[in-house]
């Protein structure tokens, strides 16, 4: 007989409550019950099970009377906003946007950084976009405190040794004495800042201007918009063959 169970984090993600990564965090923090028992990482959900998050029973769209529309949002995050779904944290991105539907960010953008971040209620696409092995590009404009030269650009592009190891090779272009553009396919925590620090420089400002085919362009700081049909189709085509795990 075929096993109808799925991983608990995938079940939570499929409801649109949050991404799989956020679901694992909720489980680790003891905020998820499976059949009235504290859930554990690696638990599996099977039809008929009861799942509670923070005391509220959650269901998949197929269990609801009406399937919830999937949302895809581009947001120009200002400096000072924290990329988290933890609404008790002051200045969190969810409270700032104040969307009537439950959405969550795809990845992170440092509190001290600004620019483009995507939000959705589609848990199925998050890992497809974020996994470094899928090589999806994110582009940034960076200003540093000390003047930069060709040697700095060459070292940034070739990979920099930080605590996590050697960063992947990337595209880097000098824009002025203190500004450069960089395109990453990785998403290590505070990666660009740590790369610059390893080369004895310090980031003064960092703005993300593109994620894959989605561009920041004229979207004002603090404003958000829905992705266009063309943007969404292009993005879905780009992640069609991407791995989720």
Protein backbone atom coordinates (compact mmCIF):
# COMPACT_ATOMS: atom_id res chain seq x y z
CA UNK A 1 0.00 0.00 0.00
CA UNK A 2 1.37 3.40 -0.98
CA UNK A 3 2.45 5.69 1.88
CA UNK A 4 0.20 8.79 1.80
CA UNK A 5 2.26 10.66 4.40
CA UNK A 6 4.39 13.75 3.72
CA UNK A 7 6.97 15.54 5.84
CA UNK A 8 5.41 17.79 8.46
CA UNK A 9 7.35 20.85 7.32
CA UNK A 10 6.05 20.33 3.76
CA UNK A 11 2.47 20.03 5.05
CA UNK A 12 2.80 23.31 6.96
CA UNK A 13 4.40 24.95 3.92
CA UNK A 14 1.64 23.68 1.61
CA UNK A 15 -0.96 25.44 3.72
CA UNK A 16 0.69 28.76 2.87
CA UNK A 17 1.46 29.36 6.55
CA UNK A 18 5.21 29.73 6.01
CA UNK A 19 8.17 28.26 4.15
CA UNK A 20 9.62 24.85 5.00
CA UNK A 21 12.61 26.52 6.63
CA UNK A 22 10.33 28.65 8.83
CA UNK A 23 8.26 25.54 9.63
CA UNK A 24 11.39 23.78 10.89
CA UNK A 25 12.11 26.81 13.09
CA UNK A 26 8.57 26.68 14.51
CA UNK A 27 8.94 22.95 15.24
CA UNK A 28 12.32 23.46 16.89
CA UNK A 29 10.86 26.20 19.12
CA UNK A 30 8.05 23.89 20.29
CA UNK A 31 5.30 25.91 18.65
CA UNK A 32 3.85 23.01 16.62
CA UNK A 33 1.65 20.17 17.88
CA UNK A 34 1.02 17.00 15.88
CA UNK A 35 -2.03 15.12 17.20
CA UNK A 36 -1.76 17.05 20.49
CA UNK A 37 1.90 16.09 20.95
CA UNK A 38 4.92 18.36 20.56
CA UNK A 39 6.15 17.93 17.00
CA UNK A 40 9.73 16.93 16.25
CA UNK A 41 11.92 17.58 13.23
CA UNK A 42 11.42 14.72 10.80
CA UNK A 43 7.79 14.04 11.78
CA UNK A 44 5.46 13.09 8.96
CA UNK A 45 1.85 14.14 8.39
CA UNK A 46 -0.78 11.73 7.12
CA UNK A 47 -4.41 12.43 6.18
CA UNK A 48 -6.53 12.75 9.30
CA UNK A 49 -3.74 14.09 11.51
CA UNK A 50 -4.29 17.34 13.41
CA UNK A 51 -1.62 20.05 13.22
CA UNK A 52 -1.62 23.12 15.45
CA UNK A 53 0.69 26.12 15.23
CA UNK A 54 0.62 28.49 18.19
CA UNK A 55 -2.70 26.95 19.26
CA UNK A 56 -4.46 27.31 15.90
CA UNK A 57 -5.37 24.29 13.79
CA UNK A 58 -4.13 24.67 10.22
CA UNK A 59 -5.36 22.96 7.08
CA UNK A 60 -4.20 22.59 3.50
CA UNK A 61 -5.95 24.56 0.76
CA UNK A 62 -7.58 21.32 -0.44
CA UNK A 63 -9.11 20.91 3.01
CA UNK A 64 -10.52 24.43 2.94
CA UNK A 65 -13.79 25.34 1.31
CA UNK A 66 -12.03 27.56 -1.18
CA UNK A 67 -8.46 27.28 -2.39
CA UNK A 68 -6.49 30.37 -1.43
CA UNK A 69 -5.08 32.41 -4.30
CA UNK A 70 -1.31 32.28 -4.52
CA UNK A 71 0.34 35.68 -4.06
CA UNK A 72 3.74 36.89 -5.29
CA UNK A 73 4.92 40.28 -4.06
CA UNK A 74 7.97 42.48 -4.72
CA UNK A 75 8.85 44.78 -1.81
CA UNK A 76 11.47 47.52 -1.55
CA UNK A 77 12.62 46.95 2.01
CA UNK A 78 13.91 50.06 3.79
CA UNK A 79 16.89 49.99 6.15
CA UNK A 80 15.77 49.11 9.67
CA UNK A 81 13.08 46.56 8.76
CA UNK A 82 13.79 43.01 9.95
CA UNK A 83 13.10 40.12 7.59
CA UNK A 84 11.21 37.79 9.89
CA UNK A 85 7.71 36.36 10.32
CA UNK A 86 8.04 36.78 14.11
CA UNK A 87 5.48 39.53 14.58
CA UNK A 88 6.55 40.14 18.19
CA UNK A 89 9.86 41.55 16.88
CA UNK A 90 9.57 45.35 16.43
CA UNK A 91 9.94 46.52 12.82
CA UNK A 92 9.27 43.08 11.32
CA UNK A 93 8.54 42.89 7.61
CA UNK A 94 5.10 41.29 8.02
CA UNK A 95 3.74 44.04 10.27
CA UNK A 96 5.32 46.72 8.05
CA UNK A 97 3.63 45.49 4.86
CA UNK A 98 0.41 44.68 6.74
CA UNK A 99 -1.00 42.53 3.95
CA UNK A 100 -4.48 41.10 4.69
CA UNK A 101 -3.36 37.60 3.65
CA UNK A 102 -0.72 35.51 5.43
CA UNK A 103 2.53 35.87 3.49
CA UNK A 104 6.19 35.21 4.24
CA UNK A 105 9.51 36.40 2.78
CA UNK A 106 11.55 34.31 0.35
CA UNK A 107 14.97 34.43 2.00
CA UNK A 108 16.36 37.35 3.94
CA UNK A 109 17.77 40.83 3.57
CA UNK A 110 19.82 42.22 6.45
CA UNK A 111 18.22 44.81 8.72
CA UNK A 112 20.98 47.25 7.70
CA UNK A 113 20.41 46.57 3.99
CA UNK A 114 17.69 47.76 1.64
CA UNK A 115 16.11 46.82 -1.63
CA UNK A 116 14.22 44.03 -3.30
CA UNK A 117 12.78 41.09 -1.42
CA UNK A 118 10.03 38.75 -2.59
CA UNK A 119 7.13 37.57 -0.42
CA UNK A 120 4.56 34.87 -1.10
CA UNK A 121 2.14 32.35 0.39
CA UNK A 122 3.45 29.66 -2.00
CA UNK A 123 5.72 27.48 0.12
CA UNK A 124 6.53 25.26 -2.83
CA UNK A 125 8.78 27.78 -4.59
CA UNK A 126 10.89 29.04 -1.69
CA UNK A 127 13.67 26.45 -1.73
CA UNK A 128 13.68 26.38 -5.54
CA UNK A 129 14.64 30.06 -5.51
CA UNK A 130 16.97 30.02 -2.49
CA UNK A 131 19.10 26.91 -3.00
CA UNK A 132 22.60 27.95 -4.11
CA UNK A 133 22.84 24.83 -6.25
CA UNK A 134 20.06 26.17 -8.46
CA UNK A 135 22.27 29.17 -9.37
CA UNK A 136 19.56 31.83 -9.35
CA UNK A 137 21.06 35.32 -9.46
CA UNK A 138 20.67 38.18 -6.97
CA UNK A 139 22.20 41.55 -7.86
CA UNK A 140 23.37 44.26 -5.45
CA UNK A 141 24.79 47.79 -5.47
CA UNK A 142 27.33 48.23 -2.67
CA UNK A 143 29.11 51.28 -1.25
CA UNK A 144 32.21 50.73 0.90
CA UNK A 145 34.20 53.01 3.22
CA UNK A 146 37.62 52.72 1.54
CA UNK A 147 38.48 53.24 -2.14
CA UNK A 148 38.43 50.13 -4.30
CA UNK A 149 40.64 49.18 -7.24
CA UNK A 150 40.90 46.42 -9.80
CA UNK A 151 42.65 44.13 -7.33
CA UNK A 152 39.75 44.37 -4.88
CA UNK A 153 37.25 43.61 -7.67
CA UNK A 154 39.30 40.64 -8.87
CA UNK A 155 39.53 39.17 -5.38
CA UNK A 156 35.78 39.62 -4.74
CA UNK A 157 34.93 37.96 -8.06
CA UNK A 158 37.32 35.05 -7.56
CA UNK A 159 35.95 34.00 -4.20
CA UNK A 160 36.78 35.17 -0.68
CA UNK A 161 37.57 32.98 2.30
CA UNK A 162 35.14 33.66 5.17
CA UNK A 163 34.14 31.59 8.19
CA UNK A 164 31.81 29.40 6.10
CA UNK A 165 34.62 28.63 3.63
CA UNK A 166 35.43 30.01 0.19
CA UNK A 167 32.61 31.91 -1.46
CA UNK A 168 31.56 30.98 -4.99
CA UNK A 169 32.99 32.91 -7.93
CA UNK A 170 30.69 35.76 -8.93
CA UNK A 171 30.32 38.74 -11.24
CA UNK A 172 31.65 42.03 -9.83
CA UNK A 173 31.89 45.42 -11.59
CA UNK A 174 33.46 48.61 -10.23
CA UNK A 175 31.11 51.61 -10.57
CA UNK A 176 33.18 54.33 -8.87
CA UNK A 177 35.92 54.77 -6.28
CA UNK A 178 33.66 53.46 -3.52
CA UNK A 179 30.81 51.69 -5.33
CA UNK A 180 30.53 48.32 -7.05
CA UNK A 181 27.90 45.97 -8.43
CA UNK A 182 27.90 42.27 -7.50
CA UNK A 183 25.80 39.32 -8.69
CA UNK A 184 25.58 36.33 -6.32
CA UNK A 185 24.08 32.87 -6.64
CA UNK A 186 24.78 32.13 -2.97
CA UNK A 187 22.87 33.42 0.02
CA UNK A 188 25.17 33.11 3.02
CA UNK A 189 24.33 35.20 6.05
CA UNK A 190 25.61 38.79 5.57
CA UNK A 191 27.79 37.42 2.78
CA UNK A 192 28.77 40.64 1.00
CA UNK A 193 29.56 42.43 4.25
CA UNK A 194 31.74 39.55 5.40
CA UNK A 195 33.50 39.33 2.05
CA UNK A 196 34.36 43.02 2.20
CA UNK A 197 35.55 42.75 5.79
CA UNK A 198 37.83 39.87 4.80
CA UNK A 199 39.41 42.26 2.28
CA UNK A 200 39.84 45.00 4.91
CA UNK A 201 36.92 47.11 3.77
CA UNK A 202 33.55 47.94 5.30
CA UNK A 203 30.11 48.18 3.68
CA UNK A 204 28.44 51.55 4.18
CA UNK A 205 25.29 50.79 2.20
CA UNK A 206 23.92 47.75 0.39
CA UNK A 207 20.93 47.64 -1.94
CA UNK A 208 19.54 44.58 -3.71
CA UNK A 209 18.24 45.59 -7.12
CA UNK A 210 17.36 42.24 -8.74
CA UNK A 211 16.31 38.69 -7.89
CA UNK A 212 16.45 36.47 -10.97
CA UNK A 213 14.27 38.29 -13.55
CA UNK A 214 12.52 40.53 -10.99
CA UNK A 215 13.98 44.06 -10.87
CA UNK A 216 13.57 46.78 -8.26
CA UNK A 217 13.57 49.62 -10.81
CA UNK A 218 11.27 52.50 -9.79
CA UNK A 219 9.59 50.83 -6.81
CA UNK A 220 9.91 53.38 -3.98
CA UNK A 221 11.39 52.43 -0.59
CA UNK A 222 8.73 50.97 1.70
CA UNK A 223 6.36 50.19 -1.20
CA UNK A 224 5.32 46.83 -2.62
CA UNK A 225 3.61 45.54 -5.74
CA UNK A 226 2.34 42.24 -7.14
CA UNK A 227 4.49 40.56 -9.76
CA UNK A 228 3.16 41.02 -13.28
CA UNK A 229 1.91 38.03 -15.28
CA UNK A 230 4.99 38.28 -17.50
CA UNK A 231 7.38 38.41 -14.51
CA UNK A 232 5.65 35.49 -12.84
CA UNK A 233 5.70 33.32 -15.97
CA UNK A 234 9.40 34.05 -16.54
CA UNK A 235 10.22 33.26 -12.91
CA UNK A 236 8.25 30.01 -12.96
CA UNK A 237 10.01 28.98 -16.17
CA UNK A 238 13.39 29.71 -14.53
CA UNK A 239 12.64 27.54 -11.47
CA UNK A 240 10.80 24.78 -13.33
CA UNK A 241 13.83 22.45 -13.21
CA UNK A 242 15.17 23.69 -9.86
CA UNK A 243 15.52 21.32 -6.93
CA UNK A 244 13.53 21.94 -3.75
CA UNK A 245 15.89 19.98 -1.51
